[in-house]
Amino acid sequence: MILDEIFHGRYSKSTISKITDVVKEEIDEWQSRKLKERYFAIYIDALFLNLRRNTVEKEALHIALGIDVEGKKEILGFWINPSESSNSWELIINDLKERGIKEVLLFIADGLSGIQETIKKYYPRADFQSCIIHAERNLLSKVRAGDKDIIGREMKRIFDASSEEEARKRFNEFKETWNNRYPKAIYNMETRLDLLLTYYKYPEPIRKVINQQI
């Protein structure tokens, strides 16, 4: 037990157990709290951590972050599952629905298979934005070390464009420059370009808020 290791010799095991119970109760209360009815955007992602359950193994910590209509950010919850999948996200999105969220304009997530269909099942009117950070990391992982800096800068130019038309123009220039060297990586990005540019449907002030996170 982590608390036992931290407070060993200062508190008895029974006291540490009581502290753990109180903290767990507060966490459970926070995790099940009612949420606002409307969020402008919800970001969903998972990261893998080493967790001990008899043995130490990597498990997926799922996190949902919301931006409300006033632009305030809020951690909506976190959930631990052995792995990340559209099925695990379905349980989480259903939980968000049951806790009071009625409308979401935009979901932002990575390219996990089936995630769009899962979102549409519960929020059929929501738009979907593919995470730009994941797209950049994915492409950069497939290029030579000497090209990473310049490709990274050119990709940022695409997503910093003032309009969707300009973003597509910059992508075409990017493709013309790098397609011969990295055809598969460029193709994979091009197939998801519509989803990477969804946020251009929104006014510039809102795009800036989105772009800070994706």
C-alpha atoms as a PDB file:
ATOM      1  CA  MET A   1       0.000   0.000   0.000  1.00  0.00           C
ATOM      2  CA  ILE A   2       1.382   3.409  -1.000  1.00  0.00           C
ATOM      3  CA  LEU A   3       0.137   5.228   2.100  1.00  0.00           C
ATOM      4  CA  ASP A   4       1.619   2.530   4.303  1.00  0.00           C
ATOM      5  CA  GLU A   5       5.015   3.074   2.697  1.00  0.00           C
ATOM      6  CA  ILE A   6       4.764   6.877   2.982  1.00  0.00           C
ATOM      7  CA  PHE A   7       3.562   7.003   6.583  1.00  0.00           C
ATOM      8  CA  HIS A   8       5.239   3.858   7.895  1.00  0.00           C
ATOM      9  CA  GLY A   9       6.089   4.322  11.564  1.00  0.00           C
ATOM     10  CA  ARG A  10       3.999   7.486  11.918  1.00  0.00           C
ATOM     11  CA  TYR A  11       0.507   6.022  11.750  1.00  0.00           C
ATOM     12  CA  SER A  12      -0.895   2.593  12.523  1.00  0.00           C
ATOM     13  CA  LYS A  13      -2.256   0.408   9.734  1.00  0.00           C
ATOM     14  CA  SER A  14      -5.799   0.871  11.065  1.00  0.00           C
ATOM     15  CA  THR A  15      -5.434   4.683  10.887  1.00  0.00           C
ATOM     16  CA  ILE A  16      -4.052   4.485   7.366  1.00  0.00           C
ATOM     17  CA  SER A  17      -6.959   2.224   6.419  1.00  0.00           C
ATOM     18  CA  LYS A  18      -9.445   4.807   7.747  1.00  0.00           C
ATOM     19  CA  ILE A  19      -7.720   7.586   5.775  1.00  0.00           C
ATOM     20  CA  THR A  20      -7.906   5.448   2.633  1.00  0.00           C
ATOM     21  CA  ASP A  21     -11.620   4.813   3.159  1.00  0.00           C
ATOM     22  CA  VAL A  22     -12.346   8.553   3.532  1.00  0.00           C
ATOM     23  CA  VAL A  23     -10.349   9.460   0.425  1.00  0.00           C
ATOM     24  CA  LYS A  24     -11.987   6.685  -1.585  1.00  0.00           C
ATOM     25  CA  GLU A  25     -15.434   7.881  -0.515  1.00  0.00           C
ATOM     26  CA  GLU A  26     -14.634  11.423  -1.690  1.00  0.00           C
ATOM     27  CA  ILE A  27     -13.255  10.163  -4.994  1.00  0.00           C
ATOM     28  CA  ASP A  28     -16.322   7.992  -5.593  1.00  0.00           C
ATOM     29  CA  GLU A  29     -18.591  10.958  -4.825  1.00  0.00           C
ATOM     30  CA  TRP A  30     -16.656  13.167  -7.250  1.00  0.00           C
ATOM     31  CA  GLN A  31     -16.612  10.483  -9.935  1.00  0.00           C
ATOM     32  CA  SER A  32     -20.387  10.015  -9.781  1.00  0.00           C
ATOM     33  CA  ARG A  33     -21.338  13.716  -9.502  1.00  0.00           C
ATOM     34  CA  LYS A  34     -23.920  15.244 -11.824  1.00  0.00           C
ATOM     35  CA  LEU A  35     -22.480  17.081 -14.817  1.00  0.00           C
ATOM     36  CA  LYS A  36     -23.670  20.082 -16.799  1.00  0.00           C
ATOM     37  CA  GLU A  37     -26.178  19.464 -19.567  1.00  0.00           C
ATOM     38  CA  ARG A  38     -24.141  21.074 -22.347  1.00  0.00           C
ATOM     39  CA  TYR A  39     -20.467  21.076 -23.226  1.00  0.00           C
ATOM     40  CA  PHE A  40     -18.904  22.739 -26.201  1.00  0.00           C
ATOM     41  CA  ALA A  41     -16.178  20.098 -26.515  1.00  0.00           C
ATOM     42  CA  ILE A  42     -15.070  16.905 -24.799  1.00  0.00           C
ATOM     43  CA  TYR A  43     -11.562  15.511 -25.177  1.00  0.00           C
ATOM     44  CA  ILE A  44     -11.158  11.795 -24.542  1.00  0.00           C
ATOM     45  CA  ASP A  45      -7.841   9.998 -24.337  1.00  0.00           C
ATOM     46  CA  ALA A  46      -6.066   7.205 -22.496  1.00  0.00           C
ATOM     47  CA  LEU A  47      -2.566   6.769 -21.162  1.00  0.00           C
ATOM     48  CA  PHE A  48      -0.974   3.574 -19.956  1.00  0.00           C
ATOM     49  CA  LEU A  49       0.374   3.254 -16.426  1.00  0.00           C
ATOM     50  CA  ASN A  50       2.021   0.465 -14.493  1.00  0.00           C
ATOM     51  CA  LEU A  51      -0.534  -0.688 -11.901  1.00  0.00           C
ATOM     52  CA  ARG A  52      -0.183  -3.337  -9.239  1.00  0.00           C
ATOM     53  CA  ARG A  53      -2.934  -5.924  -8.908  1.00  0.00           C
ATOM     54  CA  ASN A  54      -0.995  -8.832  -7.385  1.00  0.00           C
ATOM     55  CA  THR A  55       1.420  -8.340 -10.282  1.00  0.00           C
ATOM     56  CA  VAL A  56       2.454  -5.115 -12.025  1.00  0.00           C
ATOM     57  CA  GLU A  57       1.011  -4.634 -15.507  1.00  0.00           C
ATOM     58  CA  LYS A  58       0.203  -1.720 -17.766  1.00  0.00           C
ATOM     59  CA  GLU A  59      -3.443  -0.630 -17.751  1.00  0.00           C
ATOM     60  CA  ALA A  60      -5.262   2.177 -19.521  1.00  0.00           C
ATOM     61  CA  LEU A  61      -6.230   5.290 -17.570  1.00  0.00           C
ATOM     62  CA  HIS A  62      -9.101   6.840 -19.545  1.00  0.00           C
ATOM     63  CA  ILE A  63      -9.665  10.575 -19.076  1.00  0.00           C
ATOM     64  CA  ALA A  64     -12.452  12.869 -20.281  1.00  0.00           C
ATOM     65  CA  LEU A  65     -11.936  16.636 -20.224  1.00  0.00           C
ATOM     66  CA  GLY A  66     -14.817  18.970 -21.013  1.00  0.00           C
ATOM     67  CA  ILE A  67     -15.001  22.605 -22.075  1.00  0.00           C
ATOM     68  CA  ASP A  68     -18.302  24.167 -21.088  1.00  0.00           C
ATOM     69  CA  VAL A  69     -20.171  26.907 -22.951  1.00  0.00           C
ATOM     70  CA  GLU A  70     -18.287  29.555 -20.951  1.00  0.00           C
ATOM     71  CA  GLY A  71     -14.925  28.137 -22.017  1.00  0.00           C
ATOM     72  CA  LYS A  72     -14.082  26.639 -18.627  1.00  0.00           C
ATOM     73  CA  LYS A  73     -12.195  23.327 -18.546  1.00  0.00           C
ATOM     74  CA  GLU A  74     -13.299  20.508 -16.298  1.00  0.00           C
ATOM     75  CA  ILE A  75     -12.073  16.957 -15.745  1.00  0.00           C
ATOM     76  CA  LEU A  76     -15.280  14.981 -16.140  1.00  0.00           C
ATOM     77  CA  GLY A  77     -13.857  11.750 -14.827  1.00  0.00           C
ATOM     78  CA  PHE A  78     -11.234   9.056 -15.061  1.00  0.00           C
ATOM     79  CA  TRP A  79     -11.631   5.323 -15.461  1.00  0.00           C
ATOM     80  CA  ILE A  80      -9.156   2.443 -15.357  1.00  0.00           C
ATOM     81  CA  ASN A  81      -9.506  -0.501 -17.726  1.00  0.00           C
ATOM     82  CA  PRO A  82      -7.042  -3.229 -18.710  1.00  0.00           C
ATOM     83  CA  SER A  83      -6.905  -1.828 -22.263  1.00  0.00           C
ATOM     84  CA  GLU A  84      -8.260   0.974 -24.433  1.00  0.00           C
ATOM     85  CA  SER A  85     -10.996   0.013 -26.878  1.00  0.00           C
ATOM     86  CA  SER A  86     -14.232   1.351 -28.332  1.00  0.00           C
ATOM     87  CA  ASN A  87     -16.043  -0.947 -25.880  1.00  0.00           C
ATOM     88  CA  SER A  88     -14.348   0.627 -22.861  1.00  0.00           C
ATOM     89  CA  TRP A  89     -15.111   4.089 -24.223  1.00  0.00           C
ATOM     90  CA  GLU A  90     -18.753   3.128 -24.767  1.00  0.00           C
ATOM     91  CA  LEU A  91     -19.134   2.422 -21.048  1.00  0.00           C
ATOM     92  CA  ILE A  92     -17.541   5.785 -20.271  1.00  0.00           C
ATOM     93  CA  ILE A  93     -19.605   7.807 -22.749  1.00  0.00           C
ATOM     94  CA  ASN A  94     -22.740   6.113 -21.440  1.00  0.00           C
ATOM     95  CA  ASP A  95     -21.653   7.118 -17.924  1.00  0.00           C
ATOM     96  CA  LEU A  96     -21.275  10.753 -19.029  1.00  0.00           C
ATOM     97  CA  LYS A  97     -24.761  10.611 -20.565  1.00  0.00           C
ATOM     98  CA  GLU A  98     -26.299   9.148 -17.428  1.00  0.00           C
ATOM     99  CA  ARG A  99     -24.605  11.799 -15.278  1.00  0.00           C
ATOM    100  CA  GLY A 100     -26.483  14.530 -17.112  1.00  0.00           C
ATOM    101  CA  ILE A 101     -24.677  15.546 -20.312  1.00  0.00           C
ATOM    102  CA  LYS A 102     -27.366  16.037 -22.944  1.00  0.00           C
ATOM    103  CA  GLU A 103     -25.500  17.857 -25.694  1.00  0.00           C
ATOM    104  CA  VAL A 104     -21.902  17.962 -26.935  1.00  0.00           C
ATOM    105  CA  LEU A 105     -20.958  19.921 -30.037  1.00  0.00           C
ATOM    106  CA  LEU A 106     -17.568  18.326 -30.617  1.00  0.00           C
ATOM    107  CA  PHE A 107     -15.668  15.251 -29.445  1.00  0.00           C
ATOM    108  CA  ILE A 108     -11.895  15.150 -29.872  1.00  0.00           C
ATOM    109  CA  ALA A 109     -10.148  11.768 -29.807  1.00  0.00           C
ATOM    110  CA  ASP A 110      -7.435   9.765 -31.499  1.00  0.00           C
ATOM    111  CA  GLY A 111      -8.024   7.366 -34.376  1.00  0.00           C
ATOM    112  CA  LEU A 112      -9.089   4.379 -32.290  1.00  0.00           C
ATOM    113  CA  SER A 113     -11.167   2.010 -34.406  1.00  0.00           C
ATOM    114  CA  GLY A 114     -14.904   2.275 -33.738  1.00  0.00           C
ATOM    115  CA  ILE A 115     -14.728   5.380 -31.542  1.00  0.00           C
ATOM    116  CA  GLN A 116     -16.736   7.582 -33.932  1.00  0.00           C
ATOM    117  CA  GLU A 117     -19.545   5.059 -34.161  1.00  0.00           C
ATOM    118  CA  THR A 118     -19.594   4.750 -30.371  1.00  0.00           C
ATOM    119  CA  ILE A 119     -19.880   8.515 -29.929  1.00  0.00           C
ATOM    120  CA  LYS A 120     -22.631   8.806 -32.560  1.00  0.00           C
ATOM    121  CA  LYS A 121     -24.643   6.140 -30.748  1.00  0.00           C
ATOM    122  CA  TYR A 122     -25.018   8.408 -27.713  1.00  0.00           C
ATOM    123  CA  TYR A 123     -24.565  11.858 -29.271  1.00  0.00           C
ATOM    124  CA  PRO A 124     -25.703  11.572 -32.896  1.00  0.00           C
ATOM    125  CA  ARG A 125     -25.498  15.329 -33.538  1.00  0.00           C
ATOM    126  CA  ALA A 126     -21.944  15.743 -32.232  1.00  0.00           C
ATOM    127  CA  ASP A 127     -19.068  16.502 -34.591  1.00  0.00           C
ATOM    128  CA  PHE A 128     -15.861  14.483 -34.399  1.00  0.00           C
ATOM    129  CA  GLN A 129     -12.358  15.940 -34.499  1.00  0.00           C
ATOM    130  CA  SER A 130      -9.372  13.653 -34.889  1.00  0.00           C
ATOM    131  CA  CYS A 131      -6.605  14.642 -32.490  1.00  0.00           C
ATOM    132  CA  ILE A 132      -3.921  16.677 -34.269  1.00  0.00           C
ATOM    133  CA  ILE A 133      -1.255  15.885 -31.673  1.00  0.00           C
ATOM    134  CA  HIS A 134      -1.736  12.153 -32.217  1.00  0.00           C
ATOM    135  CA  ALA A 135      -1.619  12.656 -35.999  1.00  0.00           C
ATOM    136  CA  GLU A 136       1.630  14.623 -35.760  1.00  0.00           C
ATOM    137  CA  ARG A 137       3.256  12.070 -33.461  1.00  0.00           C
ATOM    138  CA  ASN A 138       2.125   9.210 -35.660  1.00  0.00           C
ATOM    139  CA  LEU A 139       3.581  10.741 -38.816  1.00  0.00           C
ATOM    140  CA  LEU A 140       6.808  11.847 -37.144  1.00  0.00           C
ATOM    141  CA  SER A 141       7.351   8.330 -35.818  1.00  0.00           C
ATOM    142  CA  LYS A 142       7.612   7.159 -39.426  1.00  0.00           C
ATOM    143  CA  VAL A 143      10.151   9.664 -40.753  1.00  0.00           C
ATOM    144  CA  ARG A 144      13.912   9.868 -40.491  1.00  0.00           C
ATOM    145  CA  ALA A 145      15.423  11.725 -37.563  1.00  0.00           C
ATOM    146  CA  GLY A 146      16.966  14.369 -39.807  1.00  0.00           C
ATOM    147  CA  ASP A 147      13.560  15.276 -41.281  1.00  0.00           C
ATOM    148  CA  LYS A 148      11.557  15.429 -38.049  1.00  0.00           C
ATOM    149  CA  ASP A 149      12.098  19.115 -37.206  1.00  0.00           C
ATOM    150  CA  ILE A 150      11.212  20.521 -40.609  1.00  0.00           C
ATOM    151  CA  ILE A 151       8.248  18.157 -41.075  1.00  0.00           C
ATOM    152  CA  GLY A 152       6.986  19.042 -37.599  1.00  0.00           C
ATOM    153  CA  ARG A 153       7.128  22.761 -38.427  1.00  0.00           C
ATOM    154  CA  GLU A 154       5.367  22.259 -41.755  1.00  0.00           C
ATOM    155  CA  MET A 155       2.596  20.222 -40.145  1.00  0.00           C
ATOM    156  CA  LYS A 156       1.981  22.971 -37.588  1.00  0.00           C
ATOM    157  CA  ARG A 157       1.617  25.453 -40.486  1.00  0.00           C
ATOM    158  CA  ILE A 158      -1.199  23.314 -41.884  1.00  0.00           C
ATOM    159  CA  PHE A 159      -3.212  23.374 -38.676  1.00  0.00           C
ATOM    160  CA  ASP A 160      -2.464  27.026 -37.889  1.00  0.00           C
ATOM    161  CA  ALA A 161      -3.964  28.190 -41.179  1.00  0.00           C
ATOM    162  CA  SER A 162      -6.595  30.921 -41.058  1.00  0.00           C
ATOM    163  CA  SER A 163      -9.163  28.894 -43.009  1.00  0.00           C
ATOM    164  CA  GLU A 164      -9.904  25.343 -44.101  1.00  0.00           C
ATOM    165  CA  GLU A 165      -9.143  26.298 -47.698  1.00  0.00           C
ATOM    166  CA  GLU A 166      -5.703  27.581 -46.702  1.00  0.00           C
ATOM    167  CA  ALA A 167      -5.091  24.481 -44.542  1.00  0.00           C
ATOM    168  CA  ARG A 168      -5.837  22.187 -47.490  1.00  0.00           C
ATOM    169  CA  LYS A 169      -3.600  24.260 -49.746  1.00  0.00           C
ATOM    170  CA  ARG A 170      -0.747  23.943 -47.255  1.00  0.00           C
ATOM    171  CA  PHE A 171      -1.344  20.207 -46.956  1.00  0.00           C
ATOM    172  CA  ASN A 172      -1.117  19.808 -50.732  1.00  0.00           C
ATOM    173  CA  GLU A 173       2.203  21.683 -50.691  1.00  0.00           C
ATOM    174  CA  PHE A 174       3.349  19.473 -47.819  1.00  0.00           C
ATOM    175  CA  LYS A 175       2.304  16.364 -49.745  1.00  0.00           C
ATOM    176  CA  GLU A 176       4.121  17.507 -52.890  1.00  0.00           C
ATOM    177  CA  THR A 177       7.332  18.018 -50.889  1.00  0.00           C
ATOM    178  CA  TRP A 178       7.347  14.769 -48.897  1.00  0.00           C
ATOM    179  CA  ASN A 179       5.218  12.218 -50.752  1.00  0.00           C
ATOM    180  CA  ASN A 180       8.080  10.663 -52.680  1.00  0.00           C
ATOM    181  CA  ARG A 181      10.041  10.047 -49.495  1.00  0.00           C
ATOM    182  CA  TYR A 182       7.202   9.011 -47.169  1.00  0.00           C
ATOM    183  CA  PRO A 183       4.233   7.953 -49.355  1.00  0.00           C
ATOM    184  CA  LYS A 184       2.523   5.684 -46.815  1.00  0.00           C
ATOM    185  CA  ALA A 185       2.741   8.195 -43.944  1.00  0.00           C
ATOM    186  CA  ILE A 186       1.402  11.005 -46.145  1.00  0.00           C
ATOM    187  CA  TYR A 187      -1.375   8.778 -47.471  1.00  0.00           C
ATOM    188  CA  ASN A 188      -2.473   7.823 -43.952  1.00  0.00           C
ATOM    189  CA  MET A 189      -2.663  11.484 -42.977  1.00  0.00           C
ATOM    190  CA  GLU A 190      -4.553  12.400 -46.143  1.00  0.00           C
ATOM    191  CA  THR A 191      -7.219   9.760 -45.516  1.00  0.00           C
ATOM    192  CA  ARG A 192      -7.987  11.433 -42.154  1.00  0.00           C
ATOM    193  CA  LEU A 193      -7.626  15.022 -43.326  1.00  0.00           C
ATOM    194  CA  ASP A 194     -11.367  15.773 -43.189  1.00  0.00           C
ATOM    195  CA  LEU A 195     -11.483  14.652 -39.556  1.00  0.00           C
ATOM    196  CA  LEU A 196      -8.331  16.624 -38.747  1.00  0.00           C
ATOM    197  CA  LEU A 197      -9.934  19.810 -40.094  1.00  0.00           C
ATOM    198  CA  THR A 198     -13.387  19.492 -38.512  1.00  0.00           C
ATOM    199  CA  TYR A 199     -12.711  22.424 -36.165  1.00  0.00           C
ATOM    200  CA  TYR A 200     -12.721  24.851 -39.111  1.00  0.00           C
ATOM    201  CA  LYS A 201     -16.525  24.588 -38.996  1.00  0.00           C
ATOM    202  CA  TYR A 202     -16.390  26.833 -35.928  1.00  0.00           C
ATOM    203  CA  PRO A 203     -15.640  30.567 -35.609  1.00  0.00           C
ATOM    204  CA  GLU A 204     -12.026  31.620 -35.082  1.00  0.00           C
ATOM    205  CA  PRO A 205     -12.294  32.367 -31.310  1.00  0.00           C
ATOM    206  CA  ILE A 206     -13.666  28.870 -30.724  1.00  0.00           C
ATOM    207  CA  ARG A 207     -11.045  27.331 -33.030  1.00  0.00           C
ATOM    208  CA  LYS A 208      -8.309  28.903 -30.928  1.00  0.00           C
ATOM    209  CA  VAL A 209      -9.665  27.246 -27.792  1.00  0.00           C
ATOM    210  CA  ILE A 210      -9.850  23.884 -29.569  1.00  0.00           C
ATOM    211  CA  ASN A 211      -6.435  24.222 -31.168  1.00  0.00           C
ATOM    212  CA  GLN A 212      -4.790  24.809 -27.802  1.00  0.00           C
ATOM    213  CA  GLN A 213      -5.735  21.287 -26.778  1.00  0.00           C
ATOM    214  CA  ILE A 214      -5.540  19.156 -29.949  1.00  0.00           C
END
